[in-house]
């Protein structure tokens, strides 16, 4: 093999070693941010419901749907499945339990 081919193959291998992990990390980071948006929306409306004395400190999605805070069902942005109505958030501990 000539030196030119070895250099080209080396550059291609180095590029692949850098590009694949970078793309994977960007993809994972994007998915985490999508889930964070859904959790923030759930948390926001749960706090709003609680401060208006329409909900207790343990708020479920069903409570928010019935009180009219959420008109559309919350959807997991990655799997495109609806979260179950028994998904809860505890406002005392800020523990979110979203169930698909």
PDB file of N, CA and C in Angstrom:
ATOM      1  N   UNK A   1       0.836  -1.169   0.000  1.00  0.00           N
ATOM      2  CA  UNK A   1       0.000   0.000   0.000  1.00  0.00           C
ATOM      3  C   UNK A   1       0.892   1.247   0.000  1.00  0.00           C
ATOM      4  N   UNK A   2       0.446   2.226  -0.713  1.00  0.00           N
ATOM      5  CA  UNK A   2       1.241   3.447  -0.785  1.00  0.00           C
ATOM      6  C   UNK A   2       1.002   4.320   0.442  1.00  0.00           C
ATOM      7  N   UNK A   3       1.896   5.217   0.663  1.00  0.00           N
ATOM      8  CA  UNK A   3       1.775   6.117   1.814  1.00  0.00           C
ATOM      9  C   UNK A   3       0.527   6.995   1.716  1.00  0.00           C
ATOM     10  N   UNK A   4       0.170   7.343   0.511  1.00  0.00           N
ATOM     11  CA  UNK A   4      -1.005   8.197   0.304  1.00  0.00           C
ATOM     12  C   UNK A   4      -2.273   7.488   0.783  1.00  0.00           C
ATOM     13  N   UNK A   5      -2.414   6.192   0.458  1.00  0.00           N
ATOM     14  CA  UNK A   5      -3.591   5.431   0.887  1.00  0.00           C
ATOM     15  C   UNK A   5      -3.620   5.267   2.403  1.00  0.00           C
ATOM     16  N   UNK A   6      -2.478   5.027   2.997  1.00  0.00           N
ATOM     17  CA  UNK A   6      -2.404   4.872   4.455  1.00  0.00           C
ATOM     18  C   UNK A   6      -2.831   6.163   5.149  1.00  0.00           C
ATOM     19  N   UNK A   7      -2.381   7.272   4.637  1.00  0.00           N
ATOM     20  CA  UNK A   7      -2.755   8.566   5.226  1.00  0.00           C
ATOM     21  C   UNK A   7      -4.253   8.809   5.072  1.00  0.00           C
ATOM     22  N   UNK A   8      -4.800   8.514   3.905  1.00  0.00           N
ATOM     23  CA  UNK A   8      -6.236   8.707   3.673  1.00  0.00           C
ATOM     24  C   UNK A   8      -7.056   7.809   4.596  1.00  0.00           C
ATOM     25  N   UNK A   9      -6.676   6.530   4.704  1.00  0.00           N
ATOM     26  CA  UNK A   9      -7.396   5.614   5.604  1.00  0.00           C
ATOM     27  C   UNK A   9      -7.294   6.063   7.056  1.00  0.00           C
ATOM     28  N   UNK A  10      -6.149   6.548   7.452  1.00  0.00           N
ATOM     29  CA  UNK A  10      -5.965   7.030   8.819  1.00  0.00           C
ATOM     30  C   UNK A  10      -6.866   8.229   9.097  1.00  0.00           C
ATOM     31  N   UNK A  11      -6.937   9.135   8.168  1.00  0.00           N
ATOM     32  CA  UNK A  11      -7.799  10.321   8.339  1.00  0.00           C
ATOM     33  C   UNK A  11      -9.265   9.901   8.418  1.00  0.00           C
ATOM     34  N   UNK A  12      -9.669   8.959   7.577  1.00  0.00           N
ATOM     35  CA  UNK A  12     -11.059   8.476   7.605  1.00  0.00           C
ATOM     36  C   UNK A  12     -11.368   7.803   8.936  1.00  0.00           C
ATOM     37  N   UNK A  13     -10.469   6.977   9.433  1.00  0.00           N
ATOM     38  CA  UNK A  13     -10.696   6.289  10.712  1.00  0.00           C
ATOM     39  C   UNK A  13     -10.761   7.293  11.860  1.00  0.00           C
ATOM     40  N   UNK A  14      -9.891   8.268  11.870  1.00  0.00           N
ATOM     41  CA  UNK A  14      -9.917   9.293  12.920  1.00  0.00           C
ATOM     42  C   UNK A  14     -11.217  10.089  12.854  1.00  0.00           C
ATOM     43  N   UNK A  15     -11.659  10.420  11.648  1.00  0.00           N
ATOM     44  CA  UNK A  15     -12.918  11.160  11.496  1.00  0.00           C
ATOM     45  C   UNK A  15     -14.086  10.339  12.023  1.00  0.00           C
ATOM     46  N   UNK A  16     -14.125   9.051  11.729  1.00  0.00           N
ATOM     47  CA  UNK A  16     -15.203   8.186  12.217  1.00  0.00           C
ATOM     48  C   UNK A  16     -15.166   8.088  13.733  1.00  0.00           C
ATOM     49  N   UNK A  17     -13.970   7.970  14.302  1.00  0.00           N
ATOM     50  CA  UNK A  17     -13.831   7.874  15.764  1.00  0.00           C
ATOM     51  C   UNK A  17     -14.339   9.142  16.440  1.00  0.00           C
ATOM     52  N   UNK A  18     -14.229  10.270  15.801  1.00  0.00           N
ATOM     53  CA  UNK A  18     -14.691  11.533  16.380  1.00  0.00           C
ATOM     54  C   UNK A  18     -16.166  11.773  16.087  1.00  0.00           C
ATOM     55  N   UNK A  19     -16.623  11.496  14.892  1.00  0.00           N
ATOM     56  CA  UNK A  19     -17.984  11.842  14.476  1.00  0.00           C
ATOM     57  C   UNK A  19     -19.041  10.982  15.158  1.00  0.00           C
ATOM     58  N   UNK A  20     -18.874   9.683  15.228  1.00  0.00           N
ATOM     59  CA  UNK A  20     -19.913   8.795  15.771  1.00  0.00           C
ATOM     60  C   UNK A  20     -20.226   9.105  17.238  1.00  0.00           C
ATOM     61  N   UNK A  21     -19.238   9.201  18.126  1.00  0.00           N
ATOM     62  CA  UNK A  21     -19.580   9.547  19.519  1.00  0.00           C
ATOM     63  C   UNK A  21     -20.203  10.939  19.660  1.00  0.00           C
ATOM     64  N   UNK A  22     -19.765  11.855  18.824  1.00  0.00           N
ATOM     65  CA  UNK A  22     -20.321  13.210  18.880  1.00  0.00           C
ATOM     66  C   UNK A  22     -21.792  13.202  18.498  1.00  0.00           C
ATOM     67  N   UNK A  23     -22.143  12.508  17.441  1.00  0.00           N
ATOM     68  CA  UNK A  23     -23.541  12.424  17.024  1.00  0.00           C
ATOM     69  C   UNK A  23     -24.380  11.746  18.090  1.00  0.00           C
ATOM     70  N   UNK A  24     -23.867  10.686  18.680  1.00  0.00           N
ATOM     71  CA  UNK A  24     -24.595   9.971  19.737  1.00  0.00           C
ATOM     72  C   UNK A  24     -24.831  10.878  20.944  1.00  0.00           C
ATOM     73  N   UNK A  25     -23.826  11.629  21.342  1.00  0.00           N
ATOM     74  CA  UNK A  25     -23.969  12.523  22.496  1.00  0.00           C
ATOM     75  C   UNK A  25     -24.985  13.626  22.210  1.00  0.00           C
ATOM     76  N   UNK A  26     -24.954  14.176  21.027  1.00  0.00           N
ATOM     77  CA  UNK A  26     -25.925  15.209  20.649  1.00  0.00           C
ATOM     78  C   UNK A  26     -27.339  14.640  20.673  1.00  0.00           C
ATOM     79  N   UNK A  27     -27.524  13.441  20.153  1.00  0.00           N
ATOM     80  CA  UNK A  27     -28.833  12.788  20.138  1.00  0.00           C
ATOM     81  C   UNK A  27     -29.348  12.549  21.559  1.00  0.00           C
ATOM     82  N   UNK A  28     -28.510  12.026  22.437  1.00  0.00           N
ATOM     83  CA  UNK A  28     -28.906  11.769  23.829  1.00  0.00           C
ATOM     84  C   UNK A  28     -29.229  13.072  24.557  1.00  0.00           C
ATOM     85  N   UNK A  29     -28.434  14.093  24.335  1.00  0.00           N
ATOM     86  CA  UNK A  29     -28.668  15.386  24.963  1.00  0.00           C
ATOM     87  C   UNK A  29     -29.995  15.986  24.504  1.00  0.00           C
ATOM     88  N   UNK A  30     -30.287  15.846  23.231  1.00  0.00           N
ATOM     89  CA  UNK A  30     -31.546  16.347  22.681  1.00  0.00           C
ATOM     90  C   UNK A  30     -32.743  15.623  23.322  1.00  0.00           C
ATOM     91  N   UNK A  31     -32.661  14.304  23.462  1.00  0.00           N
ATOM     92  CA  UNK A  31     -33.748  13.540  24.079  1.00  0.00           C
ATOM     93  C   UNK A  31     -33.951  13.931  25.536  1.00  0.00           C
ATOM     94  N   UNK A  32     -32.869  14.152  26.261  1.00  0.00           N
ATOM     95  CA  UNK A  32     -32.981  14.585  27.655  1.00  0.00           C
ATOM     96  C   UNK A  32     -33.692  15.928  27.756  1.00  0.00           C
ATOM     97  N   UNK A  33     -33.371  16.837  26.846  1.00  0.00           N
ATOM     98  CA  UNK A  33     -34.008  18.157  26.865  1.00  0.00           C
ATOM     99  C   UNK A  33     -35.490  18.063  26.501  1.00  0.00           C
ATOM    100  N   UNK A  34     -35.846  17.173  25.587  1.00  0.00           N
ATOM    101  CA  UNK A  34     -37.256  16.979  25.254  1.00  0.00           C
ATOM    102  C   UNK A  34     -38.044  16.495  26.465  1.00  0.00           C
ATOM    103  N   UNK A  35     -37.487  15.543  27.193  1.00  0.00           N
ATOM    104  CA  UNK A  35     -38.154  15.039  28.394  1.00  0.00           C
ATOM    105  C   UNK A  35     -38.220  16.105  29.477  1.00  0.00           C
ATOM    106  N   UNK A  36     -37.195  16.924  29.573  1.00  0.00           N
ATOM    107  CA  UNK A  36     -37.185  17.997  30.566  1.00  0.00           C
ATOM    108  C   UNK A  36     -38.302  19.006  30.297  1.00  0.00           C
ATOM    109  N   UNK A  37     -38.569  19.280  29.035  1.00  0.00           N
ATOM    110  CA  UNK A  37     -39.646  20.208  28.678  1.00  0.00           C
ATOM    111  C   UNK A  37     -40.993  19.668  29.155  1.00  0.00           C
ATOM    112  N   UNK A  38     -41.241  18.389  28.961  1.00  0.00           N
ATOM    113  CA  UNK A  38     -42.503  17.783  29.386  1.00  0.00           C
ATOM    114  C   UNK A  38     -42.612  17.817  30.911  1.00  0.00           C
ATOM    115  N   UNK A  39     -41.522  17.512  31.608  1.00  0.00           N
ATOM    116  CA  UNK A  39     -41.541  17.531  33.065  1.00  0.00           C
ATOM    117  C   UNK A  39     -41.786  18.947  33.587  1.00  0.00           C
ATOM    118  N   UNK A  40     -41.180  19.944  32.957  1.00  0.00           N
ATOM    119  CA  UNK A  40     -41.384  21.346  33.367  1.00  0.00           C
ATOM    120  C   UNK A  40     -42.832  21.775  33.148  1.00  0.00           C
ATOM    121  N   UNK A  41     -43.425  21.345  32.045  1.00  0.00           N
ATOM    122  CA  UNK A  41     -44.820  21.685  31.776  1.00  0.00           C
ATOM    123  C   UNK A  41     -45.730  21.059  32.833  1.00  0.00           C
ATOM    124  N   UNK A  42     -45.486  19.794  33.139  1.00  0.00           N
ATOM    125  CA  UNK A  42     -46.266  19.095  34.169  1.00  0.00           C
ATOM    126  C   UNK A  42     -46.102  19.795  35.514  1.00  0.00           C
ATOM    127  N   UNK A  43     -44.883  20.136  35.858  1.00  0.00           N
ATOM    128  CA  UNK A  43     -44.601  20.803  37.122  1.00  0.00           C
ATOM    129  C   UNK A  43     -45.269  22.178  37.190  1.00  0.00           C
ATOM    130  N   UNK A  44     -45.204  22.930  36.109  1.00  0.00           N
ATOM    131  CA  UNK A  44     -45.795  24.267  36.071  1.00  0.00           C
ATOM    132  C   UNK A  44     -47.295  24.226  36.331  1.00  0.00           C
ATOM    133  N   UNK A  45     -47.999  23.369  35.608  1.00  0.00           N
ATOM    134  CA  UNK A  45     -49.448  23.311  35.775  1.00  0.00           C
ATOM    135  C   UNK A  45     -49.843  22.707  37.114  1.00  0.00           C
ATOM    136  N   UNK A  46     -49.042  21.797  37.645  1.00  0.00           N
ATOM    137  CA  UNK A  46     -49.333  21.230  38.967  1.00  0.00           C
ATOM    138  C   UNK A  46     -49.196  22.302  40.038  1.00  0.00           C
ATOM    139  N   UNK A  47     -48.158  23.117  39.950  1.00  0.00           N
ATOM    140  CA  UNK A  47     -47.974  24.203  40.921  1.00  0.00           C
ATOM    141  C   UNK A  47     -49.083  25.242  40.796  1.00  0.00           C
ATOM    142  N   UNK A  48     -49.464  25.536  39.581  1.00  0.00           N
ATOM    143  CA  UNK A  48     -50.539  26.503  39.352  1.00  0.00           C
ATOM    144  C   UNK A  48     -51.846  26.001  39.969  1.00  0.00           C
ATOM    145  N   UNK A  49     -52.139  24.729  39.768  1.00  0.00           N
ATOM    146  CA  UNK A  49     -53.341  24.115  40.333  1.00  0.00           C
ATOM    147  C   UNK A  49     -53.283  24.131  41.859  1.00  0.00           C
ATOM    148  N   UNK A  50     -52.129  23.834  42.408  1.00  0.00           N
ATOM    149  CA  UNK A  50     -51.964  23.786  43.865  1.00  0.00           C
ATOM    150  C   UNK A  50     -52.121  25.175  44.484  1.00  0.00           C
ATOM    151  N   UNK A  51     -51.515  26.184  43.881  1.00  0.00           N
ATOM    152  CA  UNK A  51     -51.579  27.539  44.431  1.00  0.00           C
ATOM    153  C   UNK A  51     -52.967  28.163  44.283  1.00  0.00           C
ATOM    154  N   UNK A  52     -53.759  27.655  43.370  1.00  0.00           N
ATOM    155  CA  UNK A  52     -55.137  28.133  43.238  1.00  0.00           C
ATOM    156  C   UNK A  52     -56.098  27.278  44.060  1.00  0.00           C
ATOM    157  N   UNK A  53     -55.561  26.420  44.936  1.00  0.00           N
ATOM    158  CA  UNK A  53     -56.320  25.562  45.854  1.00  0.00           C
ATOM    159  C   UNK A  53     -57.315  24.639  45.151  1.00  0.00           C
ATOM    160  N   UNK A  54     -56.948  24.148  43.997  1.00  0.00           N
ATOM    161  CA  UNK A  54     -57.784  23.181  43.297  1.00  0.00           C
ATOM    162  C   UNK A  54     -57.207  21.775  43.369  1.00  0.00           C
ATOM    163  N   UNK A  55     -55.945  21.666  43.841  1.00  0.00           N
ATOM    164  CA  UNK A  55     -55.272  20.374  43.932  1.00  0.00           C
ATOM    165  C   UNK A  55     -54.548  20.265  45.274  1.00  0.00           C
ATOM    166  N   UNK A  56     -54.249  19.033  45.651  1.00  0.00           N
ATOM    167  CA  UNK A  56     -53.461  18.768  46.854  1.00  0.00           C
ATOM    168  C   UNK A  56     -51.976  18.815  46.489  1.00  0.00           C
ATOM    169  N   UNK A  57     -51.115  18.512  47.450  1.00  0.00           N
ATOM    170  CA  UNK A  57     -49.675  18.564  47.180  1.00  0.00           C
ATOM    171  C   UNK A  57     -49.212  17.401  46.302  1.00  0.00           C
ATOM    172  N   UNK A  58     -49.988  16.325  46.245  1.00  0.00           N
ATOM    173  CA  UNK A  58     -49.706  15.217  45.332  1.00  0.00           C
ATOM    174  C   UNK A  58     -50.689  15.334  44.161  1.00  0.00           C
ATOM    175  N   UNK A  59     -50.174  15.775  43.028  1.00  0.00           N
ATOM    176  CA  UNK A  59     -51.025  16.082  41.877  1.00  0.00           C
ATOM    177  C   UNK A  59     -50.821  15.015  40.805  1.00  0.00           C
ATOM    178  N   UNK A  60     -51.916  14.518  40.269  1.00  0.00           N
ATOM    179  CA  UNK A  60     -51.834  13.560  39.172  1.00  0.00           C
ATOM    180  C   UNK A  60     -52.244  14.245  37.867  1.00  0.00           C
ATOM    181  N   UNK A  61     -51.910  13.609  36.765  1.00  0.00           N
ATOM    182  CA  UNK A  61     -52.324  14.157  35.475  1.00  0.00           C
ATOM    183  C   UNK A  61     -53.843  14.204  35.365  1.00  0.00           C
ATOM    184  N   UNK A  62     -54.506  13.219  35.949  1.00  0.00           N
ATOM    185  CA  UNK A  62     -55.962  13.183  35.911  1.00  0.00           C
ATOM    186  C   UNK A  62     -56.541  14.434  36.575  1.00  0.00           C
ATOM    187  N   UNK A  63     -55.942  14.849  37.709  1.00  0.00           N
ATOM    188  CA  UNK A  63     -56.400  16.064  38.388  1.00  0.00           C
ATOM    189  C   UNK A  63     -56.268  17.285  37.486  1.00  0.00           C
ATOM    190  N   UNK A  64     -55.154  17.366  36.775  1.00  0.00           N
ATOM    191  CA  UNK A  64     -54.929  18.519  35.900  1.00  0.00           C
ATOM    192  C   UNK A  64     -55.866  18.514  34.698  1.00  0.00           C
ATOM    193  N   UNK A  65     -56.165  17.330  34.181  1.00  0.00           N
ATOM    194  CA  UNK A  65     -57.119  17.247  33.070  1.00  0.00           C
ATOM    195  C   UNK A  65     -58.512  17.662  33.528  1.00  0.00           C
ATOM    196  N   UNK A  66     -58.918  17.173  34.697  1.00  0.00           N
ATOM    197  CA  UNK A  66     -60.261  17.475  35.205  1.00  0.00           C
ATOM    198  C   UNK A  66     -60.413  18.935  35.590  1.00  0.00           C
ATOM    199  N   UNK A  67     -59.341  19.553  36.107  1.00  0.00           N
ATOM    200  CA  UNK A  67     -59.404  20.960  36.501  1.00  0.00           C
ATOM    201  C   UNK A  67     -59.260  21.895  35.302  1.00  0.00           C
ATOM    202  N   UNK A  68     -58.916  21.350  34.148  1.00  0.00           N
ATOM    203  CA  UNK A  68     -58.831  22.151  32.937  1.00  0.00           C
ATOM    204  C   UNK A  68     -57.482  22.813  32.708  1.00  0.00           C
ATOM    205  N   UNK A  69     -56.475  22.442  33.472  1.00  0.00           N
ATOM    206  CA  UNK A  69     -55.158  23.036  33.276  1.00  0.00           C
ATOM    207  C   UNK A  69     -54.458  22.466  32.054  1.00  0.00           C
ATOM    208  N   UNK A  70     -54.670  21.216  31.785  1.00  0.00           N
ATOM    209  CA  UNK A  70     -54.129  20.591  30.581  1.00  0.00           C
ATOM    210  C   UNK A  70     -55.292  20.139  29.717  1.00  0.00           C
ATOM    211  N   UNK A  71     -55.368  20.675  28.519  1.00  0.00           N
ATOM    212  CA  UNK A  71     -56.454  20.295  27.623  1.00  0.00           C
ATOM    213  C   UNK A  71     -56.045  19.114  26.749  1.00  0.00           C
ATOM    214  N   UNK A  72     -54.786  19.081  26.352  1.00  0.00           N
ATOM    215  CA  UNK A  72     -54.292  17.969  25.542  1.00  0.00           C
ATOM    216  C   UNK A  72     -53.509  17.021  26.446  1.00  0.00           C
ATOM    217  N   UNK A  73     -53.539  15.742  26.109  1.00  0.00           N
ATOM    218  CA  UNK A  73     -52.815  14.755  26.892  1.00  0.00           C
ATOM    219  C   UNK A  73     -51.312  14.958  26.721  1.00  0.00           C
ATOM    220  N   UNK A  74     -50.591  14.803  27.835  1.00  0.00           N
ATOM    221  CA  UNK A  74     -49.130  14.882  27.760  1.00  0.00           C
ATOM    222  C   UNK A  74     -48.593  13.658  27.033  1.00  0.00           C
ATOM    223  N   UNK A  75     -47.658  13.896  26.141  1.00  0.00           N
ATOM    224  CA  UNK A  75     -47.100  12.838  25.319  1.00  0.00           C
ATOM    225  C   UNK A  75     -45.594  12.752  25.522  1.00  0.00           C
ATOM    226  N   UNK A  76     -45.089  11.534  25.585  1.00  0.00           N
ATOM    227  CA  UNK A  76     -43.653  11.340  25.625  1.00  0.00           C
ATOM    228  C   UNK A  76     -43.111  11.730  24.247  1.00  0.00           C
ATOM    229  N   UNK A  77     -42.238  12.732  24.171  1.00  0.00           N
ATOM    230  CA  UNK A  77     -41.794  13.210  22.860  1.00  0.00           C
ATOM    231  C   UNK A  77     -40.896  12.220  22.115  1.00  0.00           C
ATOM    232  N   UNK A  78     -40.365  11.240  22.804  1.00  0.00           N
ATOM    233  CA  UNK A  78     -39.471  10.279  22.154  1.00  0.00           C
ATOM    234  C   UNK A  78     -40.255   9.095  21.614  1.00  0.00           C
ATOM    235  N   UNK A  79     -41.131   8.522  22.448  1.00  0.00           N
ATOM    236  CA  UNK A  79     -41.880   7.331  22.032  1.00  0.00           C
ATOM    237  C   UNK A  79     -43.227   7.665  21.420  1.00  0.00           C
ATOM    238  N   UNK A  80     -43.667   8.899  21.552  1.00  0.00           N
ATOM    239  CA  UNK A  80     -44.958   9.377  21.030  1.00  0.00           C
ATOM    240  C   UNK A  80     -46.140   8.669  21.683  1.00  0.00           C
ATOM    241  N   UNK A  81     -45.968   8.183  22.903  1.00  0.00           N
ATOM    242  CA  UNK A  81     -47.056   7.556  23.647  1.00  0.00           C
ATOM    243  C   UNK A  81     -47.547   8.517  24.720  1.00  0.00           C
ATOM    244  N   UNK A  82     -48.848   8.423  25.022  1.00  0.00           N
ATOM    245  CA  UNK A  82     -49.414   9.262  26.071  1.00  0.00           C
ATOM    246  C   UNK A  82     -48.947   8.792  27.432  1.00  0.00           C
ATOM    247  N   UNK A  83     -48.757   9.763  28.331  1.00  0.00           N
ATOM    248  CA  UNK A  83     -48.474   9.403  29.715  1.00  0.00           C
ATOM    249  C   UNK A  83     -49.782   8.996  30.378  1.00  0.00           C
ATOM    250  N   UNK A  84     -49.714   8.031  31.288  1.00  0.00           N
ATOM    251  CA  UNK A  84     -50.913   7.540  31.963  1.00  0.00           C
ATOM    252  C   UNK A  84     -51.444   8.596  32.919  1.00  0.00           C
ATOM    253  N   UNK A  85     -52.770   8.540  33.153  1.00  0.00           N
ATOM    254  CA  UNK A  85     -53.429   9.516  34.018  1.00  0.00           C
ATOM    255  C   UNK A  85     -52.983   9.409  35.470  1.00  0.00           C
ATOM    256  N   UNK A  86     -52.428   8.274  35.884  1.00  0.00           N
ATOM    257  CA  UNK A  86     -52.004   8.129  37.272  1.00  0.00           C
ATOM    258  C   UNK A  86     -50.553   8.586  37.483  1.00  0.00           C
ATOM    259  N   UNK A  87     -49.976   9.262  36.497  1.00  0.00           N
ATOM    260  CA  UNK A  87     -48.658   9.871  36.678  1.00  0.00           C
ATOM    261  C   UNK A  87     -48.795  11.011  37.672  1.00  0.00           C
ATOM    262  N   UNK A  88     -47.835  11.115  38.581  1.00  0.00           N
ATOM    263  CA  UNK A  88     -47.973  12.086  39.671  1.00  0.00           C
ATOM    264  C   UNK A  88     -46.730  12.954  39.822  1.00  0.00           C
ATOM    265  N   UNK A  89     -46.928  14.041  40.565  1.00  0.00           N
ATOM    266  CA  UNK A  89     -45.836  14.887  41.024  1.00  0.00           C
ATOM    267  C   UNK A  89     -46.126  15.238  42.472  1.00  0.00           C
ATOM    268  N   UNK A  90     -45.126  15.089  43.314  1.00  0.00           N
ATOM    269  CA  UNK A  90     -45.241  15.467  44.722  1.00  0.00           C
ATOM    270  C   UNK A  90     -44.606  16.841  44.851  1.00  0.00           C
ATOM    271  N   UNK A  91     -45.409  17.852  45.121  1.00  0.00           N
ATOM    272  CA  UNK A  91     -44.908  19.215  45.166  1.00  0.00           C
ATOM    273  C   UNK A  91     -44.064  19.486  46.404  1.00  0.00           C
ATOM    274  N   UNK A  92     -44.174  18.658  47.434  1.00  0.00           N
ATOM    275  CA  UNK A  92     -43.336  18.838  48.622  1.00  0.00           C
ATOM    276  C   UNK A  92     -41.889  18.446  48.336  1.00  0.00           C
ATOM    277  N   UNK A  93     -41.692  17.402  47.555  1.00  0.00           N
ATOM    278  CA  UNK A  93     -40.349  16.919  47.251  1.00  0.00           C
ATOM    279  C   UNK A  93     -39.944  17.169  45.797  1.00  0.00           C
ATOM    280  N   UNK A  94     -40.852  17.654  44.984  1.00  0.00           N
ATOM    281  CA  UNK A  94     -40.633  17.863  43.536  1.00  0.00           C
ATOM    282  C   UNK A  94     -40.252  16.573  42.821  1.00  0.00           C
ATOM    283  N   UNK A  95     -40.790  15.454  43.284  1.00  0.00           N
ATOM    284  CA  UNK A  95     -40.527  14.163  42.650  1.00  0.00           C
ATOM    285  C   UNK A  95     -41.599  13.916  41.588  1.00  0.00           C
ATOM    286  N   UNK A  96     -41.153  13.761  40.354  1.00  0.00           N
ATOM    287  CA  UNK A  96     -42.053  13.563  39.227  1.00  0.00           C
ATOM    288  C   UNK A  96     -42.021  12.092  38.836  1.00  0.00           C
ATOM    289  N   UNK A  97     -43.211  11.509  38.694  1.00  0.00           N
ATOM    290  CA  UNK A  97     -43.328  10.096  38.298  1.00  0.00           C
ATOM    291  C   UNK A  97     -44.233  10.027  37.076  1.00  0.00           C
ATOM    292  N   UNK A  98     -43.623  10.185  35.895  1.00  0.00           N
ATOM    293  CA  UNK A  98     -44.370  10.098  34.645  1.00  0.00           C
ATOM    294  C   UNK A  98     -44.334   8.675  34.142  1.00  0.00           C
ATOM    295  N   UNK A  99     -45.515   8.090  33.921  1.00  0.00           N
ATOM    296  CA  UNK A  99     -45.629   6.702  33.475  1.00  0.00           C
ATOM    297  C   UNK A  99     -46.182   6.662  32.054  1.00  0.00           C
ATOM    298  N   UNK A 100     -45.480   5.955  31.193  1.00  0.00           N
ATOM    299  CA  UNK A 100     -45.936   5.841  29.797  1.00  0.00           C
ATOM    300  C   UNK A 100     -46.925   4.716  29.651  1.00  0.00           C
TER     301      UNK A 100
END
